[in-house]
PDB file of N, CA and C in Angstrom:
ATOM      1  N   MET A   1     -49.005  48.207   6.661  1.00  0.00           N
ATOM      2  CA  MET A   1     -49.808  47.241   5.609  1.00  0.00           C
ATOM      3  C   MET A   1     -50.338  46.093   6.072  1.00  0.00           C
ATOM      4  N   ILE A   2     -50.361  45.915   7.493  1.00  0.00           N
ATOM      5  CA  ILE A   2     -51.029  44.722   7.688  1.00  0.00           C
ATOM      6  C   ILE A   2     -52.744  45.561   8.210  1.00  0.00           C
ATOM      7  N   ARG A   3     -52.606  46.793   8.330  1.00  0.00           N
ATOM      8  CA  ARG A   3     -54.109  47.328   8.643  1.00  0.00           C
ATOM      9  C   ARG A   3     -54.991  47.111   7.224  1.00  0.00           C
ATOM     10  N   VAL A   4     -54.091  47.426   6.101  1.00  0.00           N
ATOM     11  CA  VAL A   4     -54.318  47.426   4.979  1.00  0.00           C
ATOM     12  C   VAL A   4     -55.202  45.818   4.289  1.00  0.00           C
ATOM     13  N   LEU A   5     -54.555  45.135   4.815  1.00  0.00           N
ATOM     14  CA  LEU A   5     -54.759  43.382   4.547  1.00  0.00           C
ATOM     15  C   LEU A   5     -55.736  43.187   5.174  1.00  0.00           C
ATOM     16  N   LEU A   6     -56.008  43.534   6.853  1.00  0.00           N
ATOM     17  CA  LEU A   6     -56.904  43.465   7.984  1.00  0.00           C
ATOM     18  C   LEU A   6     -58.358  44.162   7.321  1.00  0.00           C
ATOM     19  N   LEU A   7     -58.338  45.349   6.707  1.00  0.00           N
ATOM     20  CA  LEU A   7     -59.161  46.172   6.015  1.00  0.00           C
ATOM     21  C   LEU A   7     -59.940  45.464   4.982  1.00  0.00           C
ATOM     22  N   ILE A   8     -58.978  45.081   4.044  1.00  0.00           N
ATOM     23  CA  ILE A   8     -59.515  44.068   3.090  1.00  0.00           C
ATOM     24  C   ILE A   8     -60.278  42.803   3.203  1.00  0.00           C
ATOM     25  N   ALA A   9     -59.796  41.997   4.321  1.00  0.00           N
ATOM     26  CA  ALA A   9     -59.989  40.773   4.956  1.00  0.00           C
ATOM     27  C   ALA A   9     -61.486  41.161   5.262  1.00  0.00           C
ATOM     28  N   VAL A  10     -61.571  42.460   6.243  1.00  0.00           N
ATOM     29  CA  VAL A  10     -63.039  42.714   7.016  1.00  0.00           C
ATOM     30  C   VAL A  10     -64.041  43.112   5.729  1.00  0.00           C
ATOM     31  N   LEU A  11     -63.737  43.557   4.698  1.00  0.00           N
ATOM     32  CA  LEU A  11     -64.825  44.017   3.731  1.00  0.00           C
ATOM     33  C   LEU A  11     -64.885  42.957   2.881  1.00  0.00           C
ATOM     34  N   GLY A  12     -64.007  41.921   2.748  1.00  0.00           N
ATOM     35  CA  GLY A  12     -64.390  41.120   1.639  1.00  0.00           C
ATOM     36  C   GLY A  12     -65.226  40.237   2.366  1.00  0.00           C
ATOM     37  N   LEU A  13     -65.231  39.979   3.934  1.00  0.00           N
ATOM     38  CA  LEU A  13     -66.084  38.779   4.689  1.00  0.00           C
ATOM     39  C   LEU A  13     -67.608  39.660   4.693  1.00  0.00           C
ATOM     40  N   ALA A  14     -67.729  40.865   4.609  1.00  0.00           N
ATOM     41  CA  ALA A  14     -68.681  41.482   5.029  1.00  0.00           C
ATOM     42  C   ALA A  14     -69.693  41.718   3.469  1.00  0.00           C
ATOM     43  N   ALA A  15     -68.987  41.581   2.630  1.00  0.00           N
ATOM     44  CA  ALA A  15     -69.658  41.383   0.832  1.00  0.00           C
ATOM     45  C   ALA A  15     -70.276  40.037   0.683  1.00  0.00           C
ATOM     46  N   CYS A  16     -69.815  38.952   1.461  1.00  0.00           N
ATOM     47  CA  CYS A  16     -69.999  37.711   1.793  1.00  0.00           C
ATOM     48  C   CYS A  16     -71.484  37.494   2.514  1.00  0.00           C
ATOM     49  N   ALA A  17     -71.909  38.294   3.168  1.00  0.00           N
ATOM     50  CA  ALA A  17     -73.052  38.086   4.366  1.00  0.00           C
ATOM     51  C   ALA A  17     -74.020  38.757   3.830  1.00  0.00           C
ATOM     52  N   GLU A  18     -74.749  37.970   2.361  1.00  0.00           N
ATOM     53  CA  GLU A  18     -76.217  38.328   2.066  1.00  0.00           C
ATOM     54  C   GLU A  18     -77.155  37.761   2.786  1.00  0.00           C
ATOM     55  N   ARG A  19     -77.773  38.624   2.958  1.00  0.00           N
ATOM     56  CA  ARG A  19     -79.465  38.437   4.065  1.00  0.00           C
ATOM     57  C   ARG A  19     -80.268  37.844   2.596  1.00  0.00           C
ATOM     58  N   GLU A  20     -80.742  36.792   3.266  1.00  0.00           N
ATOM     59  CA  GLU A  20     -82.051  36.188   2.941  1.00  0.00           C
ATOM     60  C   GLU A  20     -83.328  37.093   2.084  1.00  0.00           C
ATOM     61  N   GLN A  21     -83.590  37.196   0.946  1.00  0.00           N
ATOM     62  CA  GLN A  21     -84.517  37.874   0.564  1.00  0.00           C
ATOM     63  C   GLN A  21     -85.942  37.544   0.117  1.00  0.00           C
ATOM     64  N   VAL A  22     -86.151  36.458   1.008  1.00  0.00           N
ATOM     65  CA  VAL A  22     -87.548  35.500   0.703  1.00  0.00           C
ATOM     66  C   VAL A  22     -88.360  36.235   1.832  1.00  0.00           C
ATOM     67  N   ALA A  23     -89.521  36.397   1.568  1.00  0.00           N
ATOM     68  CA  ALA A  23     -90.649  36.924   2.876  1.00  0.00           C
ATOM     69  C   ALA A  23     -90.841  35.977   3.519  1.00  0.00           C
ATOM     70  N   ASP A  24     -91.286  36.015   4.672  1.00  0.00           N
ATOM     71  CA  ASP A  24     -91.840  34.847   5.661  1.00  0.00           C
ATOM     72  C   ASP A  24     -93.204  34.529   5.030  1.00  0.00           C
ATOM     73  N   PHE A  25     -93.227  32.981   4.780  1.00  0.00           N
ATOM     74  CA  PHE A  25     -94.661  32.665   4.664  1.00  0.00           C
ATOM     75  C   PHE A  25     -95.638  32.364   5.637  1.00  0.00           C
ATOM     76  N   LYS A  26     -97.010  33.139   5.481  1.00  0.00           N
ATOM     77  CA  LYS A  26     -98.193  33.117   6.625  1.00  0.00           C
ATOM     78  C   LYS A  26     -98.896  32.091   6.019  1.00  0.00           C
ATOM     79  N   LYS A  27     -99.343  31.093   6.278  1.00  0.00           N
ATOM     80  CA  LYS A  27    -100.437  30.020   5.533  1.00  0.00           C
ATOM     81  C   LYS A  27    -101.535  30.992   5.471  1.00  0.00           C
ATOM     82  N   GLY A  28    -102.013  30.750   4.407  1.00  0.00           N
ATOM     83  CA  GLY A  28    -103.473  31.632   3.867  1.00  0.00           C
ATOM     84  C   GLY A  28    -103.471  32.794   3.588  1.00  0.00           C
ATOM     85  N   LYS A  29    -102.326  33.720   3.679  1.00  0.00           N
ATOM     86  CA  LYS A  29    -102.251  34.828   3.269  1.00  0.00           C
ATOM     87  C   LYS A  29    -101.537  35.348   2.519  1.00  0.00           C
ATOM     88  N   TYR A  30    -101.947  36.173   1.248  1.00  0.00           N
ATOM     89  CA  TYR A  30    -101.093  36.448   0.495  1.00  0.00           C
ATOM     90  C   TYR A  30    -100.219  37.755   0.944  1.00  0.00           C
ATOM     91  N   GLN A  31     -99.095  37.807   0.735  1.00  0.00           N
ATOM     92  CA  GLN A  31     -98.361  38.669   1.278  1.00  0.00           C
ATOM     93  C   GLN A  31     -97.497  39.936   0.024  1.00  0.00           C
ATOM     94  N   GLY A  32     -98.187  39.521  -0.951  1.00  0.00           N
ATOM     95  CA  GLY A  32     -97.886  40.581  -2.451  1.00  0.00           C
ATOM     96  C   GLY A  32     -98.719  41.477  -2.618  1.00  0.00           C
ATOM     97  N   LYS A  33     -98.443  42.601  -3.740  1.00  0.00           N
ATOM     98  CA  LYS A  33     -99.152  43.409  -3.812  1.00  0.00           C
ATOM     99  C   LYS A  33    -100.699  42.831  -4.830  1.00  0.00           C
ATOM    100  N   PRO A  34    -101.521  43.424  -4.093  1.00  0.00           N
ATOM    101  CA  PRO A  34    -102.786  42.921  -4.732  1.00  0.00           C
ATOM    102  C   PRO A  34    -103.066  43.481  -6.186  1.00  0.00           C
ATOM    103  N   ASP A  35    -103.356  42.779  -7.148  1.00  0.00           N
ATOM    104  CA  ASP A  35    -103.451  42.951  -8.694  1.00  0.00           C
ATOM    105  C   ASP A  35    -105.013  43.604  -8.838  1.00  0.00           C
ATOM    106  N   THR A  36    -105.071  44.572  -9.841  1.00  0.00           N
ATOM    107  CA  THR A  36    -106.172  45.142 -10.086  1.00  0.00           C
ATOM    108  C   THR A  36    -106.500  44.556 -11.664  1.00  0.00           C
ATOM    109  N   PRO A  37    -107.621  44.601 -12.401  1.00  0.00           N
ATOM    110  CA  PRO A  37    -108.008  44.150 -13.286  1.00  0.00           C
ATOM    111  C   PRO A  37    -107.218  45.301 -14.427  1.00  0.00           C
ATOM    112  N   ALA A  38    -106.646  44.679 -15.527  1.00  0.00           N
ATOM    113  CA  ALA A  38    -106.193  45.473 -16.223  1.00  0.00           C
ATOM    114  C   ALA A  38    -106.921  46.750 -17.230  1.00  0.00           C
ATOM    115  N   TRP A  39    -108.150  46.428 -17.367  1.00  0.00           N
ATOM    116  CA  TRP A  39    -108.910  47.744 -17.661  1.00  0.00           C
ATOM    117  C   TRP A  39    -109.256  48.765 -16.959  1.00  0.00           C
ATOM    118  N   ASP A  40    -108.791  48.356 -15.338  1.00  0.00           N
ATOM    119  CA  ASP A  40    -108.905  49.439 -14.428  1.00  0.00           C
ATOM    120  C   ASP A  40    -107.966  50.779 -14.391  1.00  0.00           C
ATOM    121  N   ASN A  41    -106.531  50.299 -15.099  1.00  0.00           N
ATOM    122  CA  ASN A  41    -105.674  50.934 -15.055  1.00  0.00           C
ATOM    123  C   ASN A  41    -105.930  52.023 -16.260  1.00  0.00           C
ATOM    124  N   ALA A  42    -105.356  53.443 -16.301  1.00  0.00           N
ATOM    125  CA  ALA A  42    -105.331  54.344 -17.199  1.00  0.00           C
ATOM    126  C   ALA A  42    -104.491  53.917 -18.384  1.00  0.00           C
ATOM    127  N   PRO A  43    -104.806  54.155 -19.715  1.00  0.00           N
ATOM    128  CA  PRO A  43    -104.414  54.181 -20.877  1.00  0.00           C
ATOM    129  C   PRO A  43    -103.004  54.914 -20.659  1.00  0.00           C
ATOM    130  N   LEU A  44    -101.665  54.195 -21.513  1.00  0.00           N
ATOM    131  CA  LEU A  44    -100.758  55.239 -21.523  1.00  0.00           C
ATOM    132  C   LEU A  44    -100.733  56.094 -22.646  1.00  0.00           C
ATOM    133  N   ALA A  45    -100.061  56.898 -22.268  1.00  0.00           N
ATOM    134  CA  ALA A  45    -100.021  58.569 -23.255  1.00  0.00           C
ATOM    135  C   ALA A  45     -99.693  57.809 -24.501  1.00  0.00           C
ATOM    136  N   TYR A  46     -98.886  57.008 -25.172  1.00  0.00           N
ATOM    137  CA  TYR A  46     -98.834  56.746 -26.180  1.00  0.00           C
ATOM    138  C   TYR A  46     -98.916  55.222 -26.668  1.00  0.00           C
ATOM    139  N   GLY A  47     -99.839  54.743 -25.914  1.00  0.00           N
ATOM    140  CA  GLY A  47    -100.290  53.337 -26.085  1.00  0.00           C
ATOM    141  C   GLY A  47    -101.725  53.378 -26.767  1.00  0.00           C
ATOM    142  N   GLY A  48    -102.462  52.291 -26.118  1.00  0.00           N
ATOM    143  CA  GLY A  48    -103.823  52.196 -26.654  1.00  0.00           C
ATOM    144  C   GLY A  48    -104.764  53.140 -26.136  1.00  0.00           C
ATOM    145  N   LYS A  49    -105.823  53.249 -26.809  1.00  0.00           N
ATOM    146  CA  LYS A  49    -107.017  54.223 -26.335  1.00  0.00           C
ATOM    147  C   LYS A  49    -108.093  53.249 -25.809  1.00  0.00           C
ATOM    148  N   TRP A  50    -108.607  53.221 -24.531  1.00  0.00           N
ATOM    149  CA  TRP A  50    -109.504  52.833 -24.056  1.00  0.00           C
ATOM    150  C   TRP A  50    -110.148  53.639 -22.915  1.00  0.00           C
ATOM    151  N   THR A  51    -111.352  53.463 -22.599  1.00  0.00           N
ATOM    152  CA  THR A  51    -112.038  54.137 -21.272  1.00  0.00           C
ATOM    153  C   THR A  51    -111.624  53.389 -20.297  1.00  0.00           C
ATOM    154  N   GLN A  52    -111.008  54.056 -19.138  1.00  0.00           N
ATOM    155  CA  GLN A  52    -110.705  53.656 -17.784  1.00  0.00           C
ATOM    156  C   GLN A  52    -111.893  52.994 -17.156  1.00  0.00           C
ATOM    157  N   GLY A  53    -111.576  51.541 -16.804  1.00  0.00           N
ATOM    158  CA  GLY A  53    -112.721  50.899 -16.133  1.00  0.00           C
ATOM    159  C   GLY A  53    -113.541  50.126 -16.931  1.00  0.00           C
ATOM    160  N   ASP A  54    -113.637  50.596 -18.228  1.00  0.00           N
ATOM    161  CA  ASP A  54    -114.607  49.957 -19.180  1.00  0.00           C
ATOM    162  C   ASP A  54    -113.984  48.626 -19.840  1.00  0.00           C
ATOM    163  N   ARG A  55    -114.431  47.422 -19.603  1.00  0.00           N
ATOM    164  CA  ARG A  55    -113.734  46.354 -19.716  1.00  0.00           C
ATOM    165  C   ARG A  55    -113.968  46.183 -21.397  1.00  0.00           C
ATOM    166  N   ALA A  56    -114.925  46.181 -21.822  1.00  0.00           N
ATOM    167  CA  ALA A  56    -115.521  46.270 -23.379  1.00  0.00           C
ATOM    168  C   ALA A  56    -114.566  46.841 -24.030  1.00  0.00           C
ATOM    169  N   SER A  57    -114.154  48.175 -23.940  1.00  0.00           N
ATOM    170  CA  SER A  57    -113.344  49.170 -24.605  1.00  0.00           C
ATOM    171  C   SER A  57    -111.834  48.464 -24.474  1.00  0.00           C
ATOM    172  N   TRP A  58    -111.668  47.856 -23.471  1.00  0.00           N
ATOM    173  CA  TRP A  58    -110.101  47.620 -23.190  1.00  0.00           C
ATOM    174  C   TRP A  58    -110.049  46.372 -24.198  1.00  0.00           C
ATOM    175  N   GLU A  59    -111.181  45.487 -24.228  1.00  0.00           N
ATOM    176  CA  GLU A  59    -111.030  43.809 -25.221  1.00  0.00           C
ATOM    177  C   GLU A  59    -110.914  44.414 -26.503  1.00  0.00           C
ATOM    178  N   ASN A  60    -111.575  45.225 -26.584  1.00  0.00           N
ATOM    179  CA  ASN A  60    -111.689  45.902 -28.178  1.00  0.00           C
ATOM    180  C   ASN A  60    -110.248  46.323 -28.670  1.00  0.00           C
ATOM    181  N   GLN A  61    -109.779  47.384 -27.793  1.00  0.00           N
ATOM    182  CA  GLN A  61    -108.333  47.930 -28.028  1.00  0.00           C
ATOM    183  C   GLN A  61    -107.219  46.550 -28.200  1.00  0.00           C
ATOM    184  N   ILE A  62    -107.827  45.721 -27.263  1.00  0.00           N
ATOM    185  CA  ILE A  62    -106.492  44.529 -27.389  1.00  0.00           C
ATOM    186  C   ILE A  62    -106.857  43.578 -28.824  1.00  0.00           C
ATOM    187  N   LYS A  63    -107.887  43.517 -29.297  1.00  0.00           N
ATOM    188  CA  LYS A  63    -108.629  42.571 -30.322  1.00  0.00           C
ATOM    189  C   LYS A  63    -107.707  43.881 -31.713  1.00  0.00           C
ATOM    190  N   THR A  64    -108.052  44.974 -31.499  1.00  0.00           N
ATOM    191  CA  THR A  64    -107.279  45.649 -32.547  1.00  0.00           C
ATOM    192  C   THR A  64    -105.502  45.823 -32.550  1.00  0.00           C
ATOM    193  N   ARG A  65    -105.138  45.799 -31.261  1.00  0.00           N
ATOM    194  CA  ARG A  65    -103.879  45.402 -31.291  1.00  0.00           C
ATOM    195  C   ARG A  65    -103.100  44.437 -31.787  1.00  0.00           C
ATOM    196  N   GLN A  66    -103.992  43.304 -31.451  1.00  0.00           N
ATOM    197  CA  GLN A  66    -103.577  41.849 -32.171  1.00  0.00           C
ATOM    198  C   GLN A  66    -103.430  41.750 -33.424  1.00  0.00           C
ATOM    199  N   LEU A  67    -104.323  42.054 -34.169  1.00  0.00           N
ATOM    200  CA  LEU A  67    -104.840  42.526 -35.274  1.00  0.00           C
ATOM    201  C   LEU A  67    -103.635  43.077 -36.466  1.00  0.00           C
ATOM    202  N   GLY A  68    -103.042  44.116 -35.985  1.00  0.00           N
ATOM    203  CA  GLY A  68    -101.941  44.746 -35.970  1.00  0.00           C
ATOM    204  C   GLY A  68    -100.721  44.113 -36.174  1.00  0.00           C
ATOM    205  N   GLN A  69    -100.381  42.875 -35.288  1.00  0.00           N
ATOM    206  CA  GLN A  69     -99.632  42.077 -34.970  1.00  0.00           C
ATOM    207  C   GLN A  69     -99.393  40.790 -35.801  1.00  0.00           C
ATOM    208  N   ASN A  70    -100.593  40.617 -36.409  1.00  0.00           N
ATOM    209  CA  ASN A  70    -100.893  39.478 -37.201  1.00  0.00           C
ATOM    210  C   ASN A  70    -100.195  39.491 -38.625  1.00  0.00           C
ATOM    211  N   GLU A  71     -99.186  38.915 -38.840  1.00  0.00           N
ATOM    212  CA  GLU A  71     -98.697  39.052 -40.316  1.00  0.00           C
ATOM    213  C   GLU A  71     -99.379  38.848 -41.165  1.00  0.00           C
ATOM    214  N   ASP A  72    -100.449  37.772 -41.415  1.00  0.00           N
ATOM    215  CA  ASP A  72    -101.343  37.341 -42.298  1.00  0.00           C
ATOM    216  C   ASP A  72    -102.213  38.423 -42.704  1.00  0.00           C
ATOM    217  N   VAL A  73    -102.743  39.131 -41.697  1.00  0.00           N
ATOM    218  CA  VAL A  73    -103.745  40.468 -42.031  1.00  0.00           C
ATOM    219  C   VAL A  73    -102.707  41.387 -42.415  1.00  0.00           C
ATOM    220  N   ARG A  74    -101.621  41.614 -41.942  1.00  0.00           N
ATOM    221  CA  ARG A  74    -101.140  42.890 -42.562  1.00  0.00           C
ATOM    222  C   ARG A  74    -100.470  43.019 -44.004  1.00  0.00           C
ATOM    223  N   ILE A  75    -100.191  41.803 -44.308  1.00  0.00           N
ATOM    224  CA  ILE A  75     -99.911  41.230 -45.738  1.00  0.00           C
ATOM    225  C   ILE A  75    -100.924  41.708 -46.728  1.00  0.00           C
ATOM    226  N   SER A  76    -102.197  41.309 -46.206  1.00  0.00           N
ATOM    227  CA  SER A  76    -103.278  41.130 -47.057  1.00  0.00           C
ATOM    228  C   SER A  76    -103.851  42.558 -47.403  1.00  0.00           C
ATOM    229  N   GLN A  77    -103.198  43.492 -46.668  1.00  0.00           N
ATOM    230  CA  GLN A  77    -104.022  44.862 -46.604  1.00  0.00           C
ATOM    231  C   GLN A  77    -103.262  45.609 -47.538  1.00  0.00           C
TER     232      GLN A  77
END
C-alpha cells in the first residue's frame, strides 16, 4: 500500500515538472521558419486555380474568391 502511494506521489510530482517551451532569444536573429510569398505555394487540389509563382494570377484568384463571399454581389446575381 505504501509503495502504491509512493508511486502515485512520484508520478504526480513528475506531471508538475513542465519544461519551458519558449525558444532562447538571440538578438537580431529570427529563429522561426522563414515565410514564402503565398503565390509561390502550389494551389490546393480543391481550392483556387492559379499558376504557382505568378503573383498576378494569385491576386486575380483572391479577388474572384472575395467576390463570391460578398453578400451584396451574390444577391444581385
